[in-house]
Amino acid sequence: MEFAKIRHLAEELKEVPYIGSDVTHVFKLEDRKLLSLKYSRDLKLFQVTRIEGQIVTDYTQAEQAAAEIQYVLESYSEK
């Protein structure tokens, strides 16, 4: 998935109507769920979760979250 598309998905989470909801994007490779992305309105942070280890990383910028997601997706697609 392209970086610009991932960043756009992240940025949308901060906008109406998504900001008033609990929306989570899930990224998967074939049928394997790898990552989730959501925006915490209260914390004002993007939260990327690596589903396998339930490791949550917080980012203040959509670009940071998108870069992490793209990195993980690319690393799994190379395996």
PDB file of N, CA and C in Angstrom:
ATOM      1  N   MET A   1       0.855  -1.177   0.000  1.00  0.00           N
ATOM      2  CA  MET A   1       0.000   0.000   0.000  1.00  0.00           C
ATOM      3  C   MET A   1       0.898   1.237   0.000  1.00  0.00           C
ATOM      4  N   GLU A   2       0.504   2.211  -0.753  1.00  0.00           N
ATOM      5  CA  GLU A   2       1.305   3.426  -0.884  1.00  0.00           C
ATOM      6  C   GLU A   2       1.279   4.260   0.399  1.00  0.00           C
ATOM      7  N   PHE A   3       2.414   4.908   0.661  1.00  0.00           N
ATOM      8  CA  PHE A   3       2.550   5.759   1.841  1.00  0.00           C
ATOM      9  C   PHE A   3       1.471   6.838   1.876  1.00  0.00           C
ATOM     10  N   ALA A   4       1.222   7.484   0.741  1.00  0.00           N
ATOM     11  CA  ALA A   4       0.239   8.579   0.692  1.00  0.00           C
ATOM     12  C   ALA A   4      -1.155   8.095   1.076  1.00  0.00           C
ATOM     13  N   LYS A   5      -1.518   6.896   0.655  1.00  0.00           N
ATOM     14  CA  LYS A   5      -2.836   6.352   0.995  1.00  0.00           C
ATOM     15  C   LYS A   5      -2.929   6.042   2.489  1.00  0.00           C
ATOM     16  N   ILE A   6      -1.874   5.470   3.045  1.00  0.00           N
ATOM     17  CA  ILE A   6      -1.864   5.167   4.479  1.00  0.00           C
ATOM     18  C   ILE A   6      -1.957   6.464   5.285  1.00  0.00           C
ATOM     19  N   ARG A   7      -1.173   7.466   4.888  1.00  0.00           N
ATOM     20  CA  ARG A   7      -1.209   8.759   5.578  1.00  0.00           C
ATOM     21  C   ARG A   7      -2.602   9.381   5.498  1.00  0.00           C
ATOM     22  N   HIS A   8      -3.223   9.288   4.339  1.00  0.00           N
ATOM     23  CA  HIS A   8      -4.580   9.824   4.165  1.00  0.00           C
ATOM     24  C   HIS A   8      -5.570   9.112   5.093  1.00  0.00           C
ATOM     25  N   LEU A   9      -5.470   7.798   5.197  1.00  0.00           N
ATOM     26  CA  LEU A   9      -6.340   7.046   6.111  1.00  0.00           C
ATOM     27  C   LEU A   9      -6.157   7.525   7.548  1.00  0.00           C
ATOM     28  N   ALA A  10      -4.906   7.764   7.933  1.00  0.00           N
ATOM     29  CA  ALA A  10      -4.625   8.239   9.289  1.00  0.00           C
ATOM     30  C   ALA A  10      -5.188   9.640   9.505  1.00  0.00           C
ATOM     31  N   GLU A  11      -4.946  10.529   8.575  1.00  0.00           N
ATOM     32  CA  GLU A  11      -5.418  11.911   8.717  1.00  0.00           C
ATOM     33  C   GLU A  11      -6.940  11.990   8.789  1.00  0.00           C
ATOM     34  N   GLU A  12      -7.618  11.127   8.049  1.00  0.00           N
ATOM     35  CA  GLU A  12      -9.085  11.111   8.079  1.00  0.00           C
ATOM     36  C   GLU A  12      -9.642  10.812   9.465  1.00  0.00           C
ATOM     37  N   LEU A  13      -8.901  10.036  10.245  1.00  0.00           N
ATOM     38  CA  LEU A  13      -9.379   9.665  11.577  1.00  0.00           C
ATOM     39  C   LEU A  13      -9.521  10.869  12.503  1.00  0.00           C
ATOM     40  N   LYS A  14      -8.842  11.968  12.182  1.00  0.00           N
ATOM     41  CA  LYS A  14      -8.920  13.186  12.996  1.00  0.00           C
ATOM     42  C   LYS A  14     -10.056  14.106  12.567  1.00  0.00           C
ATOM     43  N   GLU A  15     -10.765  13.737  11.497  1.00  0.00           N
ATOM     44  CA  GLU A  15     -11.788  14.609  10.921  1.00  0.00           C
ATOM     45  C   GLU A  15     -13.197  14.111  11.239  1.00  0.00           C
ATOM     46  N   VAL A  16     -14.158  15.019  11.101  1.00  0.00           N
ATOM     47  CA  VAL A  16     -15.568  14.665  11.226  1.00  0.00           C
ATOM     48  C   VAL A  16     -15.921  13.819  10.006  1.00  0.00           C
ATOM     49  N   PRO A  17     -16.629  12.745  10.110  1.00  0.00           N
ATOM     50  CA  PRO A  17     -17.345  12.224  11.269  1.00  0.00           C
ATOM     51  C   PRO A  17     -16.533  11.240  12.103  1.00  0.00           C
ATOM     52  N   TYR A  18     -15.323  10.888  11.645  1.00  0.00           N
ATOM     53  CA  TYR A  18     -14.547   9.843  12.314  1.00  0.00           C
ATOM     54  C   TYR A  18     -14.093  10.227  13.713  1.00  0.00           C
ATOM     55  N   ILE A  19     -13.772  11.484  13.944  1.00  0.00           N
ATOM     56  CA  ILE A  19     -13.256  11.925  15.237  1.00  0.00           C
ATOM     57  C   ILE A  19     -14.249  11.661  16.364  1.00  0.00           C
ATOM     58  N   GLY A  20     -15.525  11.659  16.050  1.00  0.00           N
ATOM     59  CA  GLY A  20     -16.544  11.413  17.063  1.00  0.00           C
ATOM     60  C   GLY A  20     -16.878   9.948  17.253  1.00  0.00           C
ATOM     61  N   SER A  21     -16.177   9.083  16.533  1.00  0.00           N
ATOM     62  CA  SER A  21     -16.439   7.646  16.596  1.00  0.00           C
ATOM     63  C   SER A  21     -15.179   6.905  17.009  1.00  0.00           C
ATOM     64  N   ASP A  22     -15.335   5.624  17.235  1.00  0.00           N
ATOM     65  CA  ASP A  22     -14.191   4.772  17.551  1.00  0.00           C
ATOM     66  C   ASP A  22     -13.895   3.926  16.318  1.00  0.00           C
ATOM     67  N   VAL A  23     -13.151   4.497  15.370  1.00  0.00           N
ATOM     68  CA  VAL A  23     -12.851   3.826  14.105  1.00  0.00           C
ATOM     69  C   VAL A  23     -11.439   3.258  14.168  1.00  0.00           C
ATOM     70  N   THR A  24     -11.304   2.005  13.757  1.00  0.00           N
ATOM     71  CA  THR A  24     -10.004   1.354  13.704  1.00  0.00           C
ATOM     72  C   THR A  24      -9.813   0.755  12.319  1.00  0.00           C
ATOM     73  N   HIS A  25      -8.685   1.075  11.693  1.00  0.00           N
ATOM     74  CA  HIS A  25      -8.321   0.451  10.418  1.00  0.00           C
ATOM     75  C   HIS A  25      -7.445  -0.757  10.733  1.00  0.00           C
ATOM     76  N   VAL A  26      -7.696  -1.867  10.060  1.00  0.00           N
ATOM     77  CA  VAL A  26      -6.892  -3.071  10.232  1.00  0.00           C
ATOM     78  C   VAL A  26      -6.182  -3.353   8.913  1.00  0.00           C
ATOM     79  N   PHE A  27      -4.885  -3.580   9.008  1.00  0.00           N
ATOM     80  CA  PHE A  27      -4.065  -3.870   7.835  1.00  0.00           C
ATOM     81  C   PHE A  27      -3.671  -5.338   7.893  1.00  0.00           C
ATOM     82  N   LYS A  28      -3.867  -6.022   6.769  1.00  0.00           N
ATOM     83  CA  LYS A  28      -3.533  -7.437   6.761  1.00  0.00           C
ATOM     84  C   LYS A  28      -2.846  -7.821   5.465  1.00  0.00           C
ATOM     85  N   LEU A  29      -2.166  -8.928   5.522  1.00  0.00           N
ATOM     86  CA  LEU A  29      -1.506  -9.506   4.362  1.00  0.00           C
ATOM     87  C   LEU A  29      -2.159 -10.854   4.145  1.00  0.00           C
ATOM     88  N   GLU A  30      -2.815 -11.005   2.996  1.00  0.00           N
ATOM     89  CA  GLU A  30      -3.655 -12.164   2.722  1.00  0.00           C
ATOM     90  C   GLU A  30      -4.720 -12.219   3.824  1.00  0.00           C
ATOM     91  N   ASP A  31      -4.774 -13.274   4.620  1.00  0.00           N
ATOM     92  CA  ASP A  31      -5.782 -13.353   5.685  1.00  0.00           C
ATOM     93  C   ASP A  31      -5.190 -13.086   7.066  1.00  0.00           C
ATOM     94  N   ARG A  32      -3.956 -12.684   7.123  1.00  0.00           N
ATOM     95  CA  ARG A  32      -3.265 -12.482   8.402  1.00  0.00           C
ATOM     96  C   ARG A  32      -3.328 -11.015   8.819  1.00  0.00           C
ATOM     97  N   LYS A  33      -3.968 -10.746   9.951  1.00  0.00           N
ATOM     98  CA  LYS A  33      -4.041  -9.381  10.474  1.00  0.00           C
ATOM     99  C   LYS A  33      -2.696  -9.019  11.085  1.00  0.00           C
ATOM    100  N   LEU A  34      -2.131  -7.895  10.636  1.00  0.00           N
ATOM    101  CA  LEU A  34      -0.803  -7.485  11.089  1.00  0.00           C
ATOM    102  C   LEU A  34      -0.835  -6.271  12.006  1.00  0.00           C
ATOM    103  N   LEU A  35      -1.604  -5.256  11.619  1.00  0.00           N
ATOM    104  CA  LEU A  35      -1.581  -3.975  12.324  1.00  0.00           C
ATOM    105  C   LEU A  35      -2.975  -3.390  12.419  1.00  0.00           C
ATOM    106  N   SER A  36      -3.144  -2.552  13.426  1.00  0.00           N
ATOM    107  CA  SER A  36      -4.350  -1.727  13.468  1.00  0.00           C
ATOM    108  C   SER A  36      -3.926  -0.284  13.705  1.00  0.00           C
ATOM    109  N   LEU A  37      -4.777   0.622  13.247  1.00  0.00           N
ATOM    110  CA  LEU A  37      -4.519   2.055  13.382  1.00  0.00           C
ATOM    111  C   LEU A  37      -5.781   2.727  13.878  1.00  0.00           C
ATOM    112  N   LYS A  38      -5.641   3.514  14.922  1.00  0.00           N
ATOM    113  CA  LYS A  38      -6.762   4.333  15.380  1.00  0.00           C
ATOM    114  C   LYS A  38      -6.219   5.652  15.904  1.00  0.00           C
ATOM    115  N   TYR A  39      -7.124   6.604  16.054  1.00  0.00           N
ATOM    116  CA  TYR A  39      -6.748   7.911  16.581  1.00  0.00           C
ATOM    117  C   TYR A  39      -7.436   8.093  17.917  1.00  0.00           C
ATOM    118  N   SER A  40      -6.659   8.428  18.942  1.00  0.00           N
ATOM    119  CA  SER A  40      -7.211   8.705  20.263  1.00  0.00           C
ATOM    120  C   SER A  40      -7.500  10.196  20.367  1.00  0.00           C
ATOM    121  N   ARG A  41      -8.765  10.506  20.407  1.00  0.00           N
ATOM    122  CA  ARG A  41      -9.192  11.908  20.513  1.00  0.00           C
ATOM    123  C   ARG A  41      -8.730  12.517  21.839  1.00  0.00           C
ATOM    124  N   ASP A  42      -8.835  11.739  22.915  1.00  0.00           N
ATOM    125  CA  ASP A  42      -8.451  12.242  24.236  1.00  0.00           C
ATOM    126  C   ASP A  42      -6.951  12.505  24.340  1.00  0.00           C
ATOM    127  N   LEU A  43      -6.156  11.581  23.816  1.00  0.00           N
ATOM    128  CA  LEU A  43      -4.696  11.712  23.902  1.00  0.00           C
ATOM    129  C   LEU A  43      -4.102  12.516  22.750  1.00  0.00           C
ATOM    130  N   LYS A  44      -4.909  12.707  21.690  1.00  0.00           N
ATOM    131  CA  LYS A  44      -4.439  13.379  20.475  1.00  0.00           C
ATOM    132  C   LYS A  44      -3.228  12.657  19.884  1.00  0.00           C
ATOM    133  N   LEU A  45      -3.374  11.324  19.786  1.00  0.00           N
ATOM    134  CA  LEU A  45      -2.301  10.475  19.283  1.00  0.00           C
ATOM    135  C   LEU A  45      -2.850   9.440  18.310  1.00  0.00           C
ATOM    136  N   PHE A  46      -2.030   9.098  17.326  1.00  0.00           N
ATOM    137  CA  PHE A  46      -2.315   7.959  16.467  1.00  0.00           C
ATOM    138  C   PHE A  46      -1.731   6.740  17.163  1.00  0.00           C
ATOM    139  N   GLN A  47      -2.495   5.672  17.226  1.00  0.00           N
ATOM    140  CA  GLN A  47      -2.032   4.463  17.892  1.00  0.00           C
ATOM    141  C   GLN A  47      -1.952   3.334  16.876  1.00  0.00           C
ATOM    142  N   VAL A  48      -0.738   2.828  16.688  1.00  0.00           N
ATOM    143  CA  VAL A  48      -0.495   1.701  15.796  1.00  0.00           C
ATOM    144  C   VAL A  48      -0.228   0.487  16.677  1.00  0.00           C
ATOM    145  N   THR A  49      -0.997  -0.570  16.453  1.00  0.00           N
ATOM    146  CA  THR A  49      -0.845  -1.793  17.237  1.00  0.00           C
ATOM    147  C   THR A  49      -0.373  -2.916  16.334  1.00  0.00           C
ATOM    148  N   ARG A  50       0.738  -3.538  16.723  1.00  0.00           N
ATOM    149  CA  ARG A  50       1.184  -4.761  16.045  1.00  0.00           C
ATOM    150  C   ARG A  50       0.376  -5.886  16.680  1.00  0.00           C
ATOM    151  N   ILE A  51      -0.506  -6.455  15.916  1.00  0.00           N
ATOM    152  CA  ILE A  51      -1.508  -7.370  16.453  1.00  0.00           C
ATOM    153  C   ILE A  51      -0.891  -8.610  17.082  1.00  0.00           C
ATOM    154  N   GLU A  52       0.160  -9.166  16.483  1.00  0.00           N
ATOM    155  CA  GLU A  52       0.750 -10.396  17.020  1.00  0.00           C
ATOM    156  C   GLU A  52       1.184 -10.251  18.470  1.00  0.00           C
ATOM    157  N   GLY A  53       1.892  -9.218  18.802  1.00  0.00           N
ATOM    158  CA  GLY A  53       2.386  -9.044  20.163  1.00  0.00           C
ATOM    159  C   GLY A  53       1.597  -8.046  20.978  1.00  0.00           C
ATOM    160  N   GLN A  54       0.531  -7.494  20.381  1.00  0.00           N
ATOM    161  CA  GLN A  54      -0.269  -6.443  21.017  1.00  0.00           C
ATOM    162  C   GLN A  54       0.624  -5.293  21.492  1.00  0.00           C
ATOM    163  N   ILE A  55       1.587  -4.936  20.653  1.00  0.00           N
ATOM    164  CA  ILE A  55       2.504  -3.837  20.954  1.00  0.00           C
ATOM    165  C   ILE A  55       1.914  -2.557  20.374  1.00  0.00           C
ATOM    166  N   VAL A  56       1.636  -1.596  21.242  1.00  0.00           N
ATOM    167  CA  VAL A  56       1.032  -0.330  20.830  1.00  0.00           C
ATOM    168  C   VAL A  56       2.102   0.752  20.821  1.00  0.00           C
ATOM    169  N   THR A  57       2.178   1.480  19.710  1.00  0.00           N
ATOM    170  CA  THR A  57       3.094   2.604  19.598  1.00  0.00           C
ATOM    171  C   THR A  57       2.279   3.841  19.267  1.00  0.00           C
ATOM    172  N   ASP A  58       2.533   4.914  19.998  1.00  0.00           N
ATOM    173  CA  ASP A  58       1.800   6.164  19.808  1.00  0.00           C
ATOM    174  C   ASP A  58       2.619   7.141  18.967  1.00  0.00           C
ATOM    175  N   TYR A  59       1.914   7.863  18.098  1.00  0.00           N
ATOM    176  CA  TYR A  59       2.546   8.860  17.239  1.00  0.00           C
ATOM    177  C   TYR A  59       1.727  10.139  17.265  1.00  0.00           C
ATOM    178  N   THR A  60       2.413  11.264  17.240  1.00  0.00           N
ATOM    179  CA  THR A  60       1.716  12.551  17.213  1.00  0.00           C
ATOM    180  C   THR A  60       1.351  12.973  15.799  1.00  0.00           C
ATOM    181  N   GLN A  61       2.050  12.446  14.807  1.00  0.00           N
ATOM    182  CA  GLN A  61       1.852  12.844  13.414  1.00  0.00           C
ATOM    183  C   GLN A  61       1.378  11.663  12.567  1.00  0.00           C
ATOM    184  N   ALA A  62       0.482  11.941  11.626  1.00  0.00           N
ATOM    185  CA  ALA A  62      -0.014  10.910  10.709  1.00  0.00           C
ATOM    186  C   ALA A  62       1.128  10.311   9.895  1.00  0.00           C
ATOM    187  N   GLU A  63       2.100  11.135   9.521  1.00  0.00           N
ATOM    188  CA  GLU A  63       3.231  10.661   8.724  1.00  0.00           C
ATOM    189  C   GLU A  63       4.035   9.602   9.469  1.00  0.00           C
ATOM    190  N   GLN A  64       4.196   9.795  10.771  1.00  0.00           N
ATOM    191  CA  GLN A  64       4.946   8.832  11.582  1.00  0.00           C
ATOM    192  C   GLN A  64       4.225   7.488  11.628  1.00  0.00           C
ATOM    193  N   ALA A  65       2.933   7.536  11.868  1.00  0.00           N
ATOM    194  CA  ALA A  65       2.134   6.311  11.921  1.00  0.00           C
ATOM    195  C   ALA A  65       2.152   5.612  10.564  1.00  0.00           C
ATOM    196  N   ALA A  66       2.004   6.373   9.497  1.00  0.00           N
ATOM    197  CA  ALA A  66       2.005   5.806   8.145  1.00  0.00           C
ATOM    198  C   ALA A  66       3.345   5.151   7.819  1.00  0.00           C
ATOM    199  N   ALA A  67       4.431   5.770   8.232  1.00  0.00           N
ATOM    200  CA  ALA A  67       5.760   5.208   7.976  1.00  0.00           C
ATOM    201  C   ALA A  67       5.927   3.869   8.688  1.00  0.00           C
ATOM    202  N   GLU A  68       5.466   3.774   9.922  1.00  0.00           N
ATOM    203  CA  GLU A  68       5.546   2.518  10.679  1.00  0.00           C
ATOM    204  C   GLU A  68       4.715   1.429   9.999  1.00  0.00           C
ATOM    205  N   ILE A  69       3.506   1.781   9.596  1.00  0.00           N
ATOM    206  CA  ILE A  69       2.625   0.811   8.945  1.00  0.00           C
ATOM    207  C   ILE A  69       3.237   0.332   7.636  1.00  0.00           C
ATOM    208  N   GLN A  70       3.728   1.255   6.840  1.00  0.00           N
ATOM    209  CA  GLN A  70       4.333   0.883   5.562  1.00  0.00           C
ATOM    210  C   GLN A  70       5.551  -0.016   5.781  1.00  0.00           C
ATOM    211  N   TYR A  71       6.377   0.300   6.757  1.00  0.00           N
ATOM    212  CA  TYR A  71       7.561  -0.504   7.059  1.00  0.00           C
ATOM    213  C   TYR A  71       7.173  -1.942   7.406  1.00  0.00           C
ATOM    214  N   VAL A  72       6.197  -2.090   8.289  1.00  0.00           N
ATOM    215  CA  VAL A  72       5.784  -3.434   8.709  1.00  0.00           C
ATOM    216  C   VAL A  72       5.165  -4.201   7.544  1.00  0.00           C
ATOM    217  N   LEU A  73       4.297  -3.554   6.791  1.00  0.00           N
ATOM    218  CA  LEU A  73       3.675  -4.229   5.650  1.00  0.00           C
ATOM    219  C   LEU A  73       4.719  -4.683   4.637  1.00  0.00           C
ATOM    220  N   GLU A  74       5.691  -3.834   4.359  1.00  0.00           N
ATOM    221  CA  GLU A  74       6.743  -4.199   3.407  1.00  0.00           C
ATOM    222  C   GLU A  74       7.618  -5.326   3.942  1.00  0.00           C
ATOM    223  N   SER A  75       7.930  -5.296   5.229  1.00  0.00           N
ATOM    224  CA  SER A  75       8.782  -6.342   5.790  1.00  0.00           C
ATOM    225  C   SER A  75       8.075  -7.696   5.773  1.00  0.00           C
ATOM    226  N   TYR A  76       6.772  -7.723   6.000  1.00  0.00           N
ATOM    227  CA  TYR A  76       6.033  -8.986   5.943  1.00  0.00           C
ATOM    228  C   TYR A  76       5.836  -9.461   4.511  1.00  0.00           C
ATOM    229  N   SER A  77       5.688  -8.552   3.578  1.00  0.00           N
ATOM    230  CA  SER A  77       5.463  -8.964   2.190  1.00  0.00           C
ATOM    231  C   SER A  77       6.731  -9.532   1.560  1.00  0.00           C
ATOM    232  N   GLU A  78       7.886  -9.233   2.141  1.00  0.00           N
ATOM    233  CA  GLU A  78       9.157  -9.751   1.632  1.00  0.00           C
ATOM    234  C   GLU A  78       9.449 -11.150   2.145  1.00  0.00           C
ATOM    235  N   LYS A  79       8.705 -11.609   3.147  1.00  0.00           N
ATOM    236  CA  LYS A  79       8.965 -12.937   3.736  1.00  0.00           C
ATOM    237  C   LYS A  79       8.420 -14.046   2.871  1.00  0.00           C
TER     238      LYS A  79
END
